[in-house]
Amino acid sequence: MEVRWIRDEFSETVHHYRNGEDLYGEQMGAYVGRTELVRDGLSAGSLDLRIMGLRPSDDGQYVCTVKNADAYDEAMVDLEVSG
């Protein structure tokens, strides 16, 4: 299974997870060391992304894509940062 969180505005990877491993090689510099895929709910289909140290620049639209050998799906999420 592969899960990729993408910053829609920039079409760049925020977090990439594949076959049980986090892959940080393609991650946007602004998110290095600040993201994790919450794995507790993976078996139930929960693909929550945790972003630590939120910044105003994190505000915006994100796309989560999921694929395996049999299927592909995606969902959009709007993150609103206020403070």
PDB file of N, CA and C in Angstrom:
ATOM      1  N   MET A   1       0.841  -1.188   0.000  1.00  0.00           N
ATOM      2  CA  MET A   1       0.000   0.000   0.000  1.00  0.00           C
ATOM      3  C   MET A   1       0.880   1.243   0.000  1.00  0.00           C
ATOM      4  N   GLU A   2       0.427   2.247  -0.744  1.00  0.00           N
ATOM      5  CA  GLU A   2       1.152   3.511  -0.816  1.00  0.00           C
ATOM      6  C   GLU A   2       0.208   4.659  -0.495  1.00  0.00           C
ATOM      7  N   VAL A   3       0.649   5.529   0.416  1.00  0.00           N
ATOM      8  CA  VAL A   3      -0.120   6.712   0.810  1.00  0.00           C
ATOM      9  C   VAL A   3       0.767   7.922   0.568  1.00  0.00           C
ATOM     10  N   ARG A   4       0.219   8.903  -0.122  1.00  0.00           N
ATOM     11  CA  ARG A   4       0.980  10.134  -0.376  1.00  0.00           C
ATOM     12  C   ARG A   4       0.093  11.327  -0.057  1.00  0.00           C
ATOM     13  N   TRP A   5       0.607  12.209   0.788  1.00  0.00           N
ATOM     14  CA  TRP A   5      -0.055  13.480   1.070  1.00  0.00           C
ATOM     15  C   TRP A   5       0.662  14.539   0.256  1.00  0.00           C
ATOM     16  N   ILE A   6      -0.099  15.308  -0.517  1.00  0.00           N
ATOM     17  CA  ILE A   6       0.459  16.297  -1.446  1.00  0.00           C
ATOM     18  C   ILE A   6      -0.140  17.662  -1.143  1.00  0.00           C
ATOM     19  N   ARG A   7       0.684  18.669  -1.230  1.00  0.00           N
ATOM     20  CA  ARG A   7       0.216  20.041  -1.106  1.00  0.00           C
ATOM     21  C   ARG A   7      -0.367  20.437  -2.447  1.00  0.00           C
ATOM     22  N   ASP A   8      -1.677  20.588  -2.527  1.00  0.00           N
ATOM     23  CA  ASP A   8      -2.362  20.774  -3.813  1.00  0.00           C
ATOM     24  C   ASP A   8      -1.843  21.986  -4.580  1.00  0.00           C
ATOM     25  N   GLU A   9      -1.643  23.074  -3.882  1.00  0.00           N
ATOM     26  CA  GLU A   9      -1.219  24.320  -4.538  1.00  0.00           C
ATOM     27  C   GLU A   9       0.142  24.170  -5.213  1.00  0.00           C
ATOM     28  N   PHE A  10       1.021  23.381  -4.599  1.00  0.00           N
ATOM     29  CA  PHE A  10       2.386  23.260  -5.099  1.00  0.00           C
ATOM     30  C   PHE A  10       2.644  21.938  -5.822  1.00  0.00           C
ATOM     31  N   SER A  11       1.713  20.990  -5.701  1.00  0.00           N
ATOM     32  CA  SER A  11       1.874  19.638  -6.268  1.00  0.00           C
ATOM     33  C   SER A  11       3.175  18.989  -5.814  1.00  0.00           C
ATOM     34  N   GLU A  12       3.513  19.221  -4.562  1.00  0.00           N
ATOM     35  CA  GLU A  12       4.720  18.620  -3.999  1.00  0.00           C
ATOM     36  C   GLU A  12       4.356  17.748  -2.807  1.00  0.00           C
ATOM     37  N   THR A  13       5.194  16.764  -2.533  1.00  0.00           N
ATOM     38  CA  THR A  13       4.930  15.782  -1.488  1.00  0.00           C
ATOM     39  C   THR A  13       5.157  16.356  -0.100  1.00  0.00           C
ATOM     40  N   VAL A  14       4.142  16.193   0.731  1.00  0.00           N
ATOM     41  CA  VAL A  14       4.235  16.571   2.142  1.00  0.00           C
ATOM     42  C   VAL A  14       4.673  15.350   2.948  1.00  0.00           C
ATOM     43  N   HIS A  15       4.117  14.182   2.619  1.00  0.00           N
ATOM     44  CA  HIS A  15       4.503  12.936   3.294  1.00  0.00           C
ATOM     45  C   HIS A  15       4.238  11.764   2.355  1.00  0.00           C
ATOM     46  N   HIS A  16       5.153  10.783   2.369  1.00  0.00           N
ATOM     47  CA  HIS A  16       5.032   9.612   1.504  1.00  0.00           C
ATOM     48  C   HIS A  16       5.285   8.362   2.345  1.00  0.00           C
ATOM     49  N   TYR A  17       4.373   7.419   2.266  1.00  0.00           N
ATOM     50  CA  TYR A  17       4.439   6.161   3.017  1.00  0.00           C
ATOM     51  C   TYR A  17       4.189   5.023   2.042  1.00  0.00           C
ATOM     52  N   ARG A  18       5.060   4.014   2.076  1.00  0.00           N
ATOM     53  CA  ARG A  18       4.868   2.865   1.179  1.00  0.00           C
ATOM     54  C   ARG A  18       5.351   1.597   1.856  1.00  0.00           C
ATOM     55  N   ASN A  19       4.489   0.589   1.844  1.00  0.00           N
ATOM     56  CA  ASN A  19       4.826  -0.738   2.352  1.00  0.00           C
ATOM     57  C   ASN A  19       5.466  -0.708   3.744  1.00  0.00           C
ATOM     58  N   GLY A  20       4.852   0.062   4.633  1.00  0.00           N
ATOM     59  CA  GLY A  20       5.308   0.095   6.022  1.00  0.00           C
ATOM     60  C   GLY A  20       6.448   1.048   6.314  1.00  0.00           C
ATOM     61  N   GLU A  21       6.888   1.827   5.332  1.00  0.00           N
ATOM     62  CA  GLU A  21       8.000   2.748   5.546  1.00  0.00           C
ATOM     63  C   GLU A  21       7.643   4.166   5.147  1.00  0.00           C
ATOM     64  N   ASP A  22       8.127   5.119   5.939  1.00  0.00           N
ATOM     65  CA  ASP A  22       8.022   6.531   5.580  1.00  0.00           C
ATOM     66  C   ASP A  22       9.188   6.846   4.651  1.00  0.00           C
ATOM     67  N   LEU A  23       8.888   7.479   3.535  1.00  0.00           N
ATOM     68  CA  LEU A  23       9.907   7.825   2.546  1.00  0.00           C
ATOM     69  C   LEU A  23      10.047   9.346   2.510  1.00  0.00           C
ATOM     70  N   TYR A  24      11.174   9.831   2.962  1.00  0.00           N
ATOM     71  CA  TYR A  24      11.346  11.276   3.113  1.00  0.00           C
ATOM     72  C   TYR A  24      12.120  11.925   1.963  1.00  0.00           C
ATOM     73  N   GLY A  25      12.578  11.150   1.001  1.00  0.00           N
ATOM     74  CA  GLY A  25      13.425  11.676  -0.068  1.00  0.00           C
ATOM     75  C   GLY A  25      12.785  12.731  -0.939  1.00  0.00           C
ATOM     76  N   GLU A  26      11.457  12.676  -1.136  1.00  0.00           N
ATOM     77  CA  GLU A  26      10.781  13.625  -2.027  1.00  0.00           C
ATOM     78  C   GLU A  26      10.024  14.699  -1.264  1.00  0.00           C
ATOM     79  N   GLN A  27      10.158  14.710   0.043  1.00  0.00           N
ATOM     80  CA  GLN A  27       9.367  15.609   0.877  1.00  0.00           C
ATOM     81  C   GLN A  27       9.777  17.072   0.688  1.00  0.00           C
ATOM     82  N   MET A  28       8.763  17.952   0.630  1.00  0.00           N
ATOM     83  CA  MET A  28       9.028  19.392   0.559  1.00  0.00           C
ATOM     84  C   MET A  28       9.886  19.811   1.751  1.00  0.00           C
ATOM     85  N   GLY A  29      10.838  20.680   1.513  1.00  0.00           N
ATOM     86  CA  GLY A  29      11.729  21.132   2.572  1.00  0.00           C
ATOM     87  C   GLY A  29      11.002  21.731   3.760  1.00  0.00           C
ATOM     88  N   ALA A  30       9.879  22.407   3.515  1.00  0.00           N
ATOM     89  CA  ALA A  30       9.129  23.062   4.586  1.00  0.00           C
ATOM     90  C   ALA A  30       8.528  22.065   5.576  1.00  0.00           C
ATOM     91  N   TYR A  31       8.449  20.778   5.199  1.00  0.00           N
ATOM     92  CA  TYR A  31       7.821  19.783   6.065  1.00  0.00           C
ATOM     93  C   TYR A  31       8.811  18.781   6.660  1.00  0.00           C
ATOM     94  N   VAL A  32      10.071  18.911   6.351  1.00  0.00           N
ATOM     95  CA  VAL A  32      11.077  17.969   6.851  1.00  0.00           C
ATOM     96  C   VAL A  32      11.075  17.973   8.377  1.00  0.00           C
ATOM     97  N   GLY A  33      10.938  16.773   8.950  1.00  0.00           N
ATOM     98  CA  GLY A  33      10.947  16.618  10.403  1.00  0.00           C
ATOM     99  C   GLY A  33       9.655  17.030  11.087  1.00  0.00           C
ATOM    100  N   ARG A  34       8.613  17.340  10.329  1.00  0.00           N
ATOM    101  CA  ARG A  34       7.386  17.853  10.923  1.00  0.00           C
ATOM    102  C   ARG A  34       6.155  16.992  10.667  1.00  0.00           C
ATOM    103  N   THR A  35       6.280  15.896   9.929  1.00  0.00           N
ATOM    104  CA  THR A  35       5.099  15.103   9.594  1.00  0.00           C
ATOM    105  C   THR A  35       5.243  13.648  10.016  1.00  0.00           C
ATOM    106  N   GLU A  36       4.093  13.032  10.267  1.00  0.00           N
ATOM    107  CA  GLU A  36       4.057  11.586  10.463  1.00  0.00           C
ATOM    108  C   GLU A  36       2.669  11.086  10.091  1.00  0.00           C
ATOM    109  N   LEU A  37       2.645   9.913   9.491  1.00  0.00           N
ATOM    110  CA  LEU A  37       1.388   9.256   9.196  1.00  0.00           C
ATOM    111  C   LEU A  37       0.994   8.497  10.455  1.00  0.00           C
ATOM    112  N   VAL A  38      -0.185   8.791  10.981  1.00  0.00           N
ATOM    113  CA  VAL A  38      -0.652   8.144  12.208  1.00  0.00           C
ATOM    114  C   VAL A  38      -1.066   6.725  11.835  1.00  0.00           C
ATOM    115  N   ARG A  39      -0.308   5.750  12.295  1.00  0.00           N
ATOM    116  CA  ARG A  39      -0.486   4.364  11.858  1.00  0.00           C
ATOM    117  C   ARG A  39      -1.512   3.576  12.653  1.00  0.00           C
ATOM    118  N   ASP A  40      -1.960   4.108  13.769  1.00  0.00           N
ATOM    119  CA  ASP A  40      -2.910   3.384  14.620  1.00  0.00           C
ATOM    120  C   ASP A  40      -4.148   2.936  13.860  1.00  0.00           C
ATOM    121  N   GLY A  41      -4.612   3.747  12.932  1.00  0.00           N
ATOM    122  CA  GLY A  41      -5.857   3.442  12.255  1.00  0.00           C
ATOM    123  C   GLY A  41      -5.702   2.929  10.835  1.00  0.00           C
ATOM    124  N   LEU A  42      -4.485   2.634  10.405  1.00  0.00           N
ATOM    125  CA  LEU A  42      -4.268   2.216   9.023  1.00  0.00           C
ATOM    126  C   LEU A  42      -5.107   0.998   8.635  1.00  0.00           C
ATOM    127  N   SER A  43      -5.159   0.014   9.502  1.00  0.00           N
ATOM    128  CA  SER A  43      -5.906  -1.207   9.156  1.00  0.00           C
ATOM    129  C   SER A  43      -7.402  -0.930   9.019  1.00  0.00           C
ATOM    130  N   ALA A  44      -7.886   0.146   9.656  1.00  0.00           N
ATOM    131  CA  ALA A  44      -9.300   0.519   9.567  1.00  0.00           C
ATOM    132  C   ALA A  44      -9.549   1.561   8.469  1.00  0.00           C
ATOM    133  N   GLY A  45      -8.489   1.927   7.743  1.00  0.00           N
ATOM    134  CA  GLY A  45      -8.650   2.872   6.650  1.00  0.00           C
ATOM    135  C   GLY A  45      -8.430   4.324   7.021  1.00  0.00           C
ATOM    136  N   SER A  46      -7.952   4.585   8.225  1.00  0.00           N
ATOM    137  CA  SER A  46      -7.675   5.956   8.650  1.00  0.00           C
ATOM    138  C   SER A  46      -6.264   6.334   8.194  1.00  0.00           C
ATOM    139  N   LEU A  47      -6.151   7.417   7.451  1.00  0.00           N
ATOM    140  CA  LEU A  47      -4.872   7.839   6.884  1.00  0.00           C
ATOM    141  C   LEU A  47      -4.485   9.223   7.369  1.00  0.00           C
ATOM    142  N   ASP A  48      -4.674   9.465   8.650  1.00  0.00           N
ATOM    143  CA  ASP A  48      -4.435  10.782   9.226  1.00  0.00           C
ATOM    144  C   ASP A  48      -2.960  11.171   9.136  1.00  0.00           C
ATOM    145  N   LEU A  49      -2.742  12.418   8.763  1.00  0.00           N
ATOM    146  CA  LEU A  49      -1.403  12.986   8.724  1.00  0.00           C
ATOM    147  C   LEU A  49      -1.286  13.973   9.874  1.00  0.00           C
ATOM    148  N   ARG A  50      -0.245  13.831  10.660  1.00  0.00           N
ATOM    149  CA  ARG A  50       0.015  14.768  11.761  1.00  0.00           C
ATOM    150  C   ARG A  50       1.131  15.705  11.311  1.00  0.00           C
ATOM    151  N   ILE A  51       0.850  17.013  11.410  1.00  0.00           N
ATOM    152  CA  ILE A  51       1.853  18.039  11.107  1.00  0.00           C
ATOM    153  C   ILE A  51       2.180  18.739  12.419  1.00  0.00           C
ATOM    154  N   MET A  52       3.414  18.641  12.848  1.00  0.00           N
ATOM    155  CA  MET A  52       3.847  19.278  14.082  1.00  0.00           C
ATOM    156  C   MET A  52       4.339  20.701  13.800  1.00  0.00           C
ATOM    157  N   GLY A  53       4.261  21.546  14.807  1.00  0.00           N
ATOM    158  CA  GLY A  53       4.751  22.911  14.671  1.00  0.00           C
ATOM    159  C   GLY A  53       4.052  23.663  13.556  1.00  0.00           C
ATOM    160  N   LEU A  54       2.720  23.666  13.596  1.00  0.00           N
ATOM    161  CA  LEU A  54       1.953  24.319  12.526  1.00  0.00           C
ATOM    162  C   LEU A  54       2.397  25.760  12.312  1.00  0.00           C
ATOM    163  N   ARG A  55       2.394  26.148  11.059  1.00  0.00           N
ATOM    164  CA  ARG A  55       2.773  27.504  10.653  1.00  0.00           C
ATOM    165  C   ARG A  55       1.641  28.073   9.794  1.00  0.00           C
ATOM    166  N   PRO A  56       1.527  29.385   9.730  1.00  0.00           N
ATOM    167  CA  PRO A  56       0.517  29.982   8.851  1.00  0.00           C
ATOM    168  C   PRO A  56       0.651  29.503   7.406  1.00  0.00           C
ATOM    169  N   SER A  57       1.871  29.225   6.963  1.00  0.00           N
ATOM    170  CA  SER A  57       2.089  28.779   5.583  1.00  0.00           C
ATOM    171  C   SER A  57       1.553  27.362   5.331  1.00  0.00           C
ATOM    172  N   ASP A  58       1.203  26.627   6.390  1.00  0.00           N
ATOM    173  CA  ASP A  58       0.621  25.284   6.235  1.00  0.00           C
ATOM    174  C   ASP A  58      -0.842  25.350   5.820  1.00  0.00           C
ATOM    175  N   ASP A  59      -1.447  26.507   5.954  1.00  0.00           N
ATOM    176  CA  ASP A  59      -2.850  26.704   5.598  1.00  0.00           C
ATOM    177  C   ASP A  59      -3.055  26.379   4.119  1.00  0.00           C
ATOM    178  N   GLY A  60      -4.127  25.659   3.825  1.00  0.00           N
ATOM    179  CA  GLY A  60      -4.436  25.397   2.425  1.00  0.00           C
ATOM    180  C   GLY A  60      -4.986  24.010   2.179  1.00  0.00           C
ATOM    181  N   GLN A  61      -4.982  23.621   0.920  1.00  0.00           N
ATOM    182  CA  GLN A  61      -5.593  22.366   0.499  1.00  0.00           C
ATOM    183  C   GLN A  61      -4.529  21.279   0.328  1.00  0.00           C
ATOM    184  N   TYR A  62      -4.862  20.093   0.819  1.00  0.00           N
ATOM    185  CA  TYR A  62      -4.003  18.924   0.731  1.00  0.00           C
ATOM    186  C   TYR A  62      -4.777  17.806   0.032  1.00  0.00           C
ATOM    187  N   VAL A  63      -4.052  16.959  -0.675  1.00  0.00           N
ATOM    188  CA  VAL A  63      -4.650  15.806  -1.328  1.00  0.00           C
ATOM    189  C   VAL A  63      -3.969  14.554  -0.776  1.00  0.00           C
ATOM    190  N   CYS A  64      -4.776  13.587  -0.379  1.00  0.00           N
ATOM    191  CA  CYS A  64      -4.265  12.301   0.072  1.00  0.00           C
ATOM    192  C   CYS A  64      -4.572  11.283  -1.017  1.00  0.00           C
ATOM    193  N   THR A  65      -3.542  10.624  -1.532  1.00  0.00           N
ATOM    194  CA  THR A  65      -3.742   9.577  -2.526  1.00  0.00           C
ATOM    195  C   THR A  65      -3.358   8.239  -1.908  1.00  0.00           C
ATOM    196  N   VAL A  66      -4.121   7.214  -2.258  1.00  0.00           N
ATOM    197  CA  VAL A  66      -3.880   5.870  -1.746  1.00  0.00           C
ATOM    198  C   VAL A  66      -3.948   4.905  -2.914  1.00  0.00           C
ATOM    199  N   LYS A  67      -2.954   4.045  -3.000  1.00  0.00           N
ATOM    200  CA  LYS A  67      -3.032   3.023  -4.044  1.00  0.00           C
ATOM    201  C   LYS A  67      -2.409   1.727  -3.560  1.00  0.00           C
ATOM    202  N   ASN A  68      -2.947   0.652  -4.089  1.00  0.00           N
ATOM    203  CA  ASN A  68      -2.365  -0.665  -3.913  1.00  0.00           C
ATOM    204  C   ASN A  68      -2.480  -1.379  -5.246  1.00  0.00           C
ATOM    205  N   ALA A  69      -2.224  -2.658  -5.269  1.00  0.00           N
ATOM    206  CA  ALA A  69      -2.232  -3.382  -6.531  1.00  0.00           C
ATOM    207  C   ALA A  69      -3.599  -3.358  -7.213  1.00  0.00           C
ATOM    208  N   ASP A  70      -4.672  -3.234  -6.432  1.00  0.00           N
ATOM    209  CA  ASP A  70      -6.019  -3.356  -6.979  1.00  0.00           C
ATOM    210  C   ASP A  70      -6.787  -2.054  -7.134  1.00  0.00           C
ATOM    211  N   ALA A  71      -6.383  -0.999  -6.438  1.00  0.00           N
ATOM    212  CA  ALA A  71      -7.235   0.192  -6.403  1.00  0.00           C
ATOM    213  C   ALA A  71      -6.422   1.470  -6.205  1.00  0.00           C
ATOM    214  N   TYR A  72      -7.103   2.588  -6.528  1.00  0.00           N
ATOM    215  CA  TYR A  72      -6.545   3.924  -6.316  1.00  0.00           C
ATOM    216  C   TYR A  72      -7.695   4.816  -5.871  1.00  0.00           C
ATOM    217  N   ASP A  73      -7.410   5.698  -4.912  1.00  0.00           N
ATOM    218  CA  ASP A  73      -8.414   6.658  -4.491  1.00  0.00           C
ATOM    219  C   ASP A  73      -7.701   7.901  -3.979  1.00  0.00           C
ATOM    220  N   GLU A  74      -8.444   8.999  -3.911  1.00  0.00           N
ATOM    221  CA  GLU A  74      -7.883  10.227  -3.368  1.00  0.00           C
ATOM    222  C   GLU A  74      -8.959  11.043  -2.687  1.00  0.00           C
ATOM    223  N   ALA A  75      -8.506  11.879  -1.762  1.00  0.00           N
ATOM    224  CA  ALA A  75      -9.419  12.758  -1.039  1.00  0.00           C
ATOM    225  C   ALA A  75      -8.724  14.091  -0.827  1.00  0.00           C
ATOM    226  N   MET A  76      -9.532  15.160  -0.797  1.00  0.00           N
ATOM    227  CA  MET A  76      -9.001  16.497  -0.550  1.00  0.00           C
ATOM    228  C   MET A  76      -9.391  16.944   0.855  1.00  0.00           C
ATOM    229  N   VAL A  77      -8.450  17.653   1.491  1.00  0.00           N
ATOM    230  CA  VAL A  77      -8.665  18.156   2.840  1.00  0.00           C
ATOM    231  C   VAL A  77      -8.221  19.618   2.865  1.00  0.00           C
ATOM    232  N   ASP A  78      -9.049  20.466   3.451  1.00  0.00           N
ATOM    233  CA  ASP A  78      -8.687  21.870   3.654  1.00  0.00           C
ATOM    234  C   ASP A  78      -8.222  22.058   5.081  1.00  0.00           C
ATOM    235  N   LEU A  79      -7.011  22.570   5.246  1.00  0.00           N
ATOM    236  CA  LEU A  79      -6.471  22.858   6.570  1.00  0.00           C
ATOM    237  C   LEU A  79      -6.520  24.370   6.768  1.00  0.00           C
ATOM    238  N   GLU A  80      -7.161  24.785   7.842  1.00  0.00           N
ATOM    239  CA  GLU A  80      -7.213  26.203   8.165  1.00  0.00           C
ATOM    240  C   GLU A  80      -6.431  26.432   9.434  1.00  0.00           C
ATOM    241  N   VAL A  81      -5.360  27.200   9.315  1.00  0.00           N
ATOM    242  CA  VAL A  81      -4.491  27.513  10.452  1.00  0.00           C
ATOM    243  C   VAL A  81      -4.874  28.905  10.936  1.00  0.00           C
ATOM    244  N   SER A  82      -5.226  28.997  12.211  1.00  0.00           N
ATOM    245  CA  SER A  82      -5.514  30.296  12.802  1.00  0.00           C
ATOM    246  C   SER A  82      -4.789  30.409  14.123  1.00  0.00           C
ATOM    247  N   GLY A  83      -4.564  31.607  14.549  1.00  0.00           N
ATOM    248  CA  GLY A  83      -3.827  31.700  15.797  1.00  0.00           C
ATOM    249  C   GLY A  83      -3.670  33.060  16.309  1.00  0.00           C
TER     250      GLY A  83
END
